[in-house]
Protein backbone atom coordinates (compact mmCIF):
# COMPACT_ATOMS: atom_id res chain seq x y z
CA MET A 1 -189.93 -81.70 41.89
CA PHE A 2 -193.54 -82.15 40.73
CA LYS A 3 -192.48 -82.47 37.10
CA GLY A 4 -189.87 -85.04 38.06
CA LYS A 5 -192.43 -87.19 39.89
CA THR A 6 -194.84 -86.87 36.97
CA MET A 7 -192.11 -88.01 34.58
CA VAL A 8 -191.31 -91.02 36.77
CA ARG A 9 -194.98 -92.02 36.94
CA ALA A 10 -195.26 -91.64 33.14
CA ILE A 11 -192.23 -93.88 32.60
CA ILE A 12 -193.60 -96.50 35.01
CA TRP A 13 -196.99 -96.39 33.24
CA LEU A 14 -195.30 -96.76 29.86
CA LEU A 15 -193.20 -99.74 30.98
CA LEU A 16 -196.14 -101.52 32.59
CA SER A 17 -198.31 -100.83 29.55
CA LEU A 18 -195.66 -102.14 27.15
CA ILE A 19 -195.15 -105.30 29.19
CA SER A 20 -198.90 -105.94 29.55
CA CYS A 21 -199.80 -105.14 25.94
CA GLY A 22 -196.80 -107.10 24.71
CA GLY A 23 -198.00 -110.10 26.69
CA LEU A 24 -201.54 -109.70 25.33
CA VAL A 25 -200.26 -109.42 21.74
CA ASN A 26 -197.99 -112.43 22.18
CA TYR A 27 -200.88 -114.45 23.63
CA ALA A 28 -203.22 -113.40 20.80
CA LEU A 29 -200.59 -114.25 18.17
CA GLN A 30 -200.02 -117.61 19.80
CA GLN A 31 -203.73 -118.29 19.74
CA GLN A 32 -203.92 -117.36 16.06
CA TYR A 33 -200.93 -119.56 15.29
CA GLU A 34 -202.45 -122.52 17.12
CA LYS A 35 -205.75 -122.00 15.34
CA GLN A 36 -204.19 -121.74 11.89
CA SER A 37 -201.88 -124.67 12.62
CA GLU A 38 -204.98 -126.68 13.37
CA GLN A 39 -206.49 -125.50 10.06
CA PHE A 40 -203.32 -126.58 8.25
CA ARG A 41 -203.49 -130.02 9.87
CA ILE A 42 -207.12 -130.35 8.77
CA LEU A 43 -206.18 -129.23 5.24
CA TYR A 44 -203.30 -131.71 5.20
CA ARG A 45 -205.66 -134.50 6.23
CA ASP A 46 -208.21 -133.57 3.56
CA VAL A 47 -205.59 -133.35 0.82
CA SER A 48 -204.13 -136.69 1.91
CA VAL A 49 -207.58 -138.27 1.73
CA LYS A 50 -208.23 -136.83 -1.74
CA LEU A 51 -204.87 -137.97 -3.09
CA ALA A 52 -205.35 -141.43 -1.60
CA GLN A 53 -208.51 -141.65 -3.68
CA ASN A 54 -206.39 -141.47 -6.82
CA ASP A 55 -204.68 -144.74 -5.92
CA VAL A 56 -208.08 -146.29 -5.31
CA ILE A 57 -209.27 -145.04 -8.73
CA LEU A 58 -206.34 -146.73 -10.45
CA SER A 59 -207.26 -149.99 -8.77
CA LEU A 60 -210.91 -149.64 -9.82
CA LEU A 61 -209.97 -148.90 -13.40
CA SER A 62 -207.76 -151.91 -13.47
CA ALA A 63 -210.54 -154.16 -12.22
CA HIS A 64 -213.68 -152.78 -13.88
CA GLY A 65 -212.79 -149.95 -16.29
CA ALA A 66 -215.82 -147.88 -15.19
CA PHE A 67 -214.53 -144.60 -16.60
CA GLU A 68 -217.79 -142.64 -16.73
CA LEU A 69 -218.70 -143.54 -13.16
CA VAL A 70 -215.23 -142.59 -11.91
CA GLN A 71 -215.38 -139.17 -13.58
CA GLN A 72 -218.76 -138.46 -12.09
CA ARG A 73 -217.61 -139.33 -8.62
CA PHE A 74 -214.11 -137.82 -8.85
CA PRO A 75 -214.05 -134.60 -10.91
CA GLN A 76 -210.29 -134.17 -10.39
CA VAL A 77 -209.74 -137.05 -12.88
CA ILE A 78 -210.09 -135.33 -16.24
CA ARG A 79 -208.54 -137.97 -18.53
CA TRP A 80 -207.35 -141.58 -18.59
CA GLU A 81 -205.55 -143.73 -21.06
CA PRO A 82 -203.88 -147.13 -21.19
CA ARG A 83 -200.48 -146.97 -19.59
CA PRO A 84 -197.70 -146.63 -22.19
CA THR A 85 -194.92 -149.14 -21.95
CA VAL A 86 -192.39 -146.35 -21.56
CA ARG A 87 -194.07 -145.12 -18.36
CA PRO A 88 -193.49 -147.46 -15.40
CA ALA A 89 -196.25 -148.25 -12.94
CA GLY A 90 -196.42 -145.83 -10.03
CA SER A 91 -194.63 -143.10 -11.96
CA LEU A 92 -195.67 -139.44 -11.78
CA VAL A 93 -195.21 -136.84 -14.55
CA SER A 94 -196.09 -133.15 -14.26
CA ALA A 95 -198.34 -131.79 -16.97
CA GLY A 96 -198.30 -128.13 -15.81
CA ASN A 97 -201.07 -125.83 -14.56
CA GLY A 98 -201.70 -128.01 -11.53
CA GLN A 99 -202.06 -131.23 -13.53
CA TYR A 100 -200.01 -134.42 -13.49
CA TRP A 101 -200.11 -137.98 -14.86
CA LEU A 102 -200.34 -140.78 -12.33
CA SER A 103 -199.64 -144.28 -13.77
CA GLY A 104 -200.92 -147.61 -12.52
CA GLN A 105 -200.46 -151.15 -13.77
CA HIS A 106 -202.92 -150.78 -16.69
CA TYR A 107 -203.97 -147.12 -16.92
CA SER A 108 -202.63 -143.60 -16.47
CA LEU A 109 -204.77 -140.81 -15.00
CA LEU A 110 -204.49 -137.13 -15.75
CA ILE A 111 -205.35 -135.48 -12.46
CA ASP A 112 -206.18 -131.81 -12.09
CA LEU A 113 -205.54 -130.39 -8.59
CA ASN A 114 -207.41 -127.13 -9.28
CA PRO A 115 -210.99 -128.29 -8.55
CA LEU A 116 -209.67 -130.29 -5.62
CA LEU A 117 -207.93 -127.29 -4.04
CA ASP A 118 -210.75 -124.88 -4.87
CA THR A 119 -213.08 -127.04 -2.82
CA LEU A 120 -210.68 -127.44 0.10
CA LEU A 121 -209.29 -123.90 0.24
CA HIS A 122 -212.80 -122.52 0.36
CA ARG A 123 -212.99 -123.88 3.92
CA HIS A 124 -209.39 -123.01 4.89
CA ARG A 125 -208.14 -119.46 4.50
CA PHE A 126 -204.40 -119.09 3.83
CA GLN A 127 -202.68 -116.21 2.10
CA ALA A 128 -200.45 -118.60 0.19
CA PHE A 129 -200.75 -122.29 -0.59
CA SER A 130 -198.84 -124.69 -2.78
CA ILE A 131 -198.30 -128.38 -3.53
CA ASN A 132 -194.69 -129.06 -4.45
CA TRP A 133 -192.99 -132.04 -6.06
CA GLN A 134 -189.26 -132.39 -6.50
CA GLN A 135 -188.78 -128.82 -5.24
CA GLN A 136 -191.11 -127.47 -7.91
CA ALA A 137 -194.65 -126.18 -7.44
CA LEU A 138 -197.34 -128.23 -9.11
CA ILE A 139 -200.01 -125.73 -8.11
CA THR A 140 -200.04 -122.50 -6.10
CA ARG A 141 -202.61 -120.18 -4.62
CA GLY A 142 -201.70 -116.69 -3.55
CA ASP A 143 -198.14 -115.34 -3.48
CA ALA A 144 -196.33 -118.52 -2.54
CA GLY A 145 -192.89 -116.87 -2.85
CA ALA A 146 -193.60 -114.06 -0.38
CA GLN A 147 -192.21 -113.92 3.15
CA PHE A 148 -194.93 -114.66 5.69
CA HIS A 149 -194.91 -114.46 9.45
CA TRP A 150 -195.92 -118.11 9.68
CA ARG A 151 -195.20 -120.95 7.29
CA TRP A 152 -196.06 -124.63 7.36
CA ASP A 153 -194.47 -127.39 5.28
CA LYS A 154 -195.30 -131.08 5.52
CA LYS A 155 -194.76 -134.05 3.25
CA LEU A 156 -197.83 -136.05 2.27
CA ALA A 157 -197.80 -139.67 3.38
CA SER A 158 -198.56 -141.10 -0.10
CA PRO A 159 -196.03 -143.46 -1.72
CA SER A 160 -197.31 -142.79 -5.25
CA GLN A 161 -197.76 -139.01 -4.77
CA PRO A 162 -194.92 -137.79 -2.47
CA PHE A 163 -195.92 -134.14 -2.56
CA VAL A 164 -195.02 -131.45 -0.03
CA LEU A 165 -197.91 -129.36 1.22
CA SER A 166 -196.96 -125.74 2.03
CA ALA A 167 -198.95 -122.82 3.37
CA GLY A 168 -198.16 -119.31 4.64
CA ASN A 169 -200.07 -116.68 6.52
CA ASP A 170 -199.68 -113.41 8.40
CA PRO A 171 -201.39 -112.47 11.67
CA ASP A 172 -204.82 -110.96 11.51
CA TRP A 173 -204.09 -107.67 13.24
CA ARG A 174 -207.74 -106.66 13.11
CA SER A 175 -208.65 -109.44 15.51
CA MET A 176 -206.09 -108.33 18.12
CA PRO A 177 -207.61 -107.60 21.59
CA TRP A 178 -207.45 -103.83 21.11
CA LEU A 179 -210.21 -103.13 23.63
CA VAL A 180 -208.50 -105.29 26.21
CA MET A 181 -205.22 -103.48 25.62
CA LEU A 182 -206.98 -100.11 25.93
CA ALA A 183 -208.57 -101.28 29.18
CA THR A 184 -205.10 -102.37 30.34
CA LEU A 185 -203.69 -98.92 29.62
CA LEU A 186 -206.51 -97.30 31.56
CA PHE A 187 -206.11 -99.79 34.40
CA TRP A 188 -202.40 -99.05 34.86
CA ALA A 189 -203.04 -95.32 34.63
CA ALA A 190 -205.72 -95.55 37.34
CA ALA A 191 -203.57 -97.86 39.47
CA ILE A 192 -200.57 -95.51 39.33
CA TYR A 193 -202.77 -92.47 40.00
CA PHE A 194 -204.49 -93.97 43.04
CA SER A 195 -201.20 -95.39 44.30
CA SER A 196 -199.57 -91.97 44.11
CA GLN A 197 -202.58 -90.39 45.79
CA TYR A 198 -202.42 -92.97 48.58
CA ARG A 199 -198.70 -92.36 49.11
CA ARG A 200 -199.24 -88.60 49.08
CA GLN A 201 -202.04 -88.80 51.65
CA LYS A 202 -199.97 -91.18 53.78
CA ARG A 203 -197.08 -88.74 53.69
CA GLN A 204 -199.41 -85.87 54.61
CA ARG A 205 -200.70 -87.89 57.58
CA GLU A 206 -197.14 -88.60 58.68
CA LEU A 207 -196.25 -84.91 58.37
CA ALA A 208 -199.37 -83.99 60.34
CA ASP A 209 -198.36 -86.45 63.07
CA LEU A 210 -194.88 -84.96 63.16
CA ARG A 211 -196.32 -81.45 63.40
CA ALA A 212 -198.61 -82.54 66.24
CA ARG A 213 -195.68 -84.09 68.12
CA PHE A 214 -193.58 -80.98 67.51
CA SER A 215 -196.42 -78.76 68.77
CA GLU A 216 -196.76 -80.94 71.85
CA LEU A 217 -193.04 -80.75 72.52
CA THR A 218 -193.16 -76.99 71.99
CA ARG A 219 -196.01 -76.65 74.49
CA LEU A 220 -194.15 -78.82 77.00
CA ASN A 221 -191.04 -76.69 76.56
CA ALA A 222 -193.08 -73.53 77.02
CA LEU A 223 -194.67 -74.97 80.15
CA GLY A 224 -191.19 -75.79 81.46
CA GLU A 225 -190.05 -72.23 80.84
CA ILE A 226 -193.17 -70.83 82.53
CA ALA A 227 -192.68 -73.13 85.52
CA ALA A 228 -189.06 -72.03 85.84
CA GLY A 229 -190.15 -68.41 85.58
CA LEU A 230 -192.84 -68.91 88.21
CA ALA A 231 -190.35 -70.54 90.55
CA HIS A 232 -188.01 -67.62 90.04
CA GLU A 233 -190.74 -65.06 90.60
CA LEU A 234 -191.89 -66.89 93.73
CA ASN A 235 -188.41 -67.26 95.15
CA GLN A 236 -187.51 -63.65 94.54
CA PRO A 237 -190.25 -62.00 96.70
CA LEU A 238 -190.02 -64.72 99.32
CA THR A 239 -186.26 -64.28 99.55
CA ALA A 240 -186.66 -60.51 99.67
CA THR A 241 -189.32 -60.81 102.36
CA LEU A 242 -187.09 -63.09 104.41
CA SER A 243 -184.17 -60.69 104.03
CA TYR A 244 -186.29 -57.70 105.00
CA ASN A 245 -187.67 -59.53 108.03
CA GLN A 246 -184.21 -60.52 109.17
CA ALA A 247 -182.97 -56.95 108.71
CA ALA A 248 -185.97 -55.62 110.58
CA LEU A 249 -185.31 -57.97 113.47
CA ARG A 250 -181.69 -56.90 113.62
CA LEU A 251 -182.65 -53.23 113.55
CA ILE A 252 -185.22 -53.75 116.26
CA ASN A 253 -182.68 -55.56 118.39
CA GLN A 254 -180.24 -52.72 117.84
CA GLN A 255 -183.01 -50.18 118.32
CA GLN A 256 -181.81 -48.44 115.17
CA PRO A 257 -184.71 -48.61 112.75
CA GLN A 258 -184.05 -46.68 109.57
CA ASN A 259 -187.55 -46.95 108.15
CA ALA A 260 -190.75 -46.12 109.87
CA ALA A 261 -190.14 -50.94 112.02
CA ARG A 262 -195.09 -48.08 113.19
CA GLN A 263 -198.48 -49.20 114.66
CA GLU A 264 -201.49 -48.16 112.70
CA ARG A 265 -205.18 -49.21 112.82
CA ASP A 266 -204.62 -52.22 115.09
CA GLY A 267 -201.85 -53.33 112.89
CA VAL A 268 -198.32 -52.67 111.77
CA ALA A 269 -197.45 -50.54 108.78
CA ILE A 270 -194.14 -51.13 107.07
CA GLU A 271 -192.76 -48.66 104.55
CA VAL A 272 -189.99 -49.59 102.15
CA SER A 273 -188.55 -46.99 99.82
CA ASP A 274 -185.66 -46.80 97.38
CA GLY A 275 -183.51 -44.03 95.97
CA GLY A 276 -184.41 -44.51 92.34
CA PRO A 277 -186.36 -42.29 89.97
CA GLY A 278 -189.70 -43.77 91.07
CA LEU A 279 -192.46 -45.41 89.06
CA SER A 280 -194.15 -44.07 85.97
CA GLU A 281 -197.83 -43.19 85.98
CA GLN A 282 -198.66 -46.40 84.12
CA ALA A 283 -196.56 -48.46 86.53
CA LEU A 284 -198.28 -46.87 89.54
CA GLU A 285 -201.66 -47.93 88.16
CA GLN A 286 -200.70 -51.45 86.98
CA VAL A 287 -197.79 -52.52 89.21
CA PHE A 288 -199.92 -55.13 91.02
CA MET A 289 -201.60 -56.45 87.83
CA PRO A 290 -200.49 -59.95 86.74
CA PHE A 291 -198.08 -60.08 83.82
CA PHE A 292 -197.33 -56.36 83.90
CA THR A 293 -193.58 -55.72 83.87
CA THR A 294 -191.08 -53.10 82.83
CA ARG A 295 -188.23 -55.55 82.50
CA GLU A 296 -187.39 -56.97 79.06
CA GLN A 297 -187.55 -60.65 80.11
CA GLY A 298 -189.76 -60.33 83.19
CA LEU A 299 -193.02 -62.23 83.66
CA GLY A 300 -194.82 -59.56 85.70
CA LEU A 301 -195.85 -61.94 88.50
CA GLY A 302 -193.67 -60.76 91.41
CA MET A 303 -195.76 -57.83 92.68
CA ALA A 304 -199.01 -59.66 91.86
CA LEU A 305 -197.92 -62.59 94.04
CA THR A 306 -196.79 -60.17 96.78
CA GLU A 307 -200.22 -58.52 96.82
CA THR A 308 -201.86 -61.95 96.93
CA LEU A 309 -199.73 -63.02 99.91
CA VAL A 310 -200.43 -59.79 101.78
CA GLN A 311 -204.15 -60.08 101.13
CA ARG A 312 -204.08 -63.70 102.35
CA LEU A 313 -202.77 -62.23 105.66
CA ASN A 314 -205.70 -59.75 105.68
CA GLY A 315 -203.29 -56.93 104.96
CA THR A 316 -202.90 -54.31 102.26
CA ILE A 317 -200.09 -53.04 100.10
CA SER A 318 -199.81 -49.77 98.24
CA VAL A 319 -197.18 -47.73 96.40
CA LEU A 320 -196.52 -44.08 95.69
CA ASN A 321 -193.66 -41.88 94.57
CA ILE A 322 -191.86 -39.68 97.10
CA THR A 323 -190.22 -36.66 95.59
CA GLY A 324 -186.44 -36.98 95.80
CA GLN A 325 -186.60 -40.49 97.33
CA GLY A 326 -188.08 -42.72 94.68
CA ALA A 327 -190.86 -45.30 95.09
CA CYS A 328 -192.28 -46.15 98.47
CA PHE A 329 -194.22 -49.36 99.16
CA THR A 330 -196.40 -49.52 102.27
CA VAL A 331 -197.49 -52.86 103.70
CA TRP A 332 -200.07 -52.95 106.48
CA LEU A 333 -200.63 -56.16 108.43
CA PRO A 334 -203.08 -56.67 111.31
CA LEU A 335 -201.65 -57.55 114.70
CA LYS A 336 -204.12 -60.37 115.22
CA THR A 337 -204.79 -62.10 111.95
CA THR A 338 -207.48 -64.54 111.04
CA GLU A 339 -206.71 -66.84 108.14
CA ALA A 340 -208.81 -66.00 105.15
């Protein structure tokens, strides 16, 4: 029984712990995703700004031709040349290794994305990053082909450079709320323990109340039995006394007394004997003591009450064995009694 309850408590603790820790992990992962999504949006904005600068550079070159100044200000532009007639304005040609030609009305720029991304990715940490054009990667960082838990893809809003910015990342399991989850496990263990202790103590109190009520009922039942026994023991000597008195009156009226109906010491002595084997030595000594009895279910109050009644009448009662006749009880009552 104890092992079964322990198993149930362990299963409840395990379920509550899984639900709580699962909720904490899901919340932490959601927070990481929101944070990294925000980082991707910032990276997307920065890349969009940098690529928009390329269109501005083409316009500047067309108007002023300040090549040295442009290269100083924009290190991603590594080469420029007059636009060939075979390359239409606004066209884009991949040159490999993260480089591509971007053509304007008068000039074409060879743009290298490597220094641009090295600067931006230093502030944004992703396990994989790539800029794609026509479903091909112009430049990648990390293992862009791997399967990541999270992945972001968004097309850049640049008419001349319609690239797709992609990034992937996995959760940072080291930053999970491990201490909070451990505290949750301990909390549920303590909650289940104290709850079981409370229920156990409540049950013990209920059992104690039931035992107290049972004891009270038992005492009431015992008192009822004692009262019934007392009534029986009172009725028996009173009934016997009444019967003996009625018999004595009849014998006196008939003048045929069989027992010595005699006057003694200003009183009347009445002897009553039986034809039994008599009383034992112990019975002779203790017959008038309360609760002494030779019967299996007797209370031992009959002779004690008889002695009390006789004494209340200022009389005495005694008993002895008569050889061949059994026990003989002698009751002496004064002729003129004064209530005690």
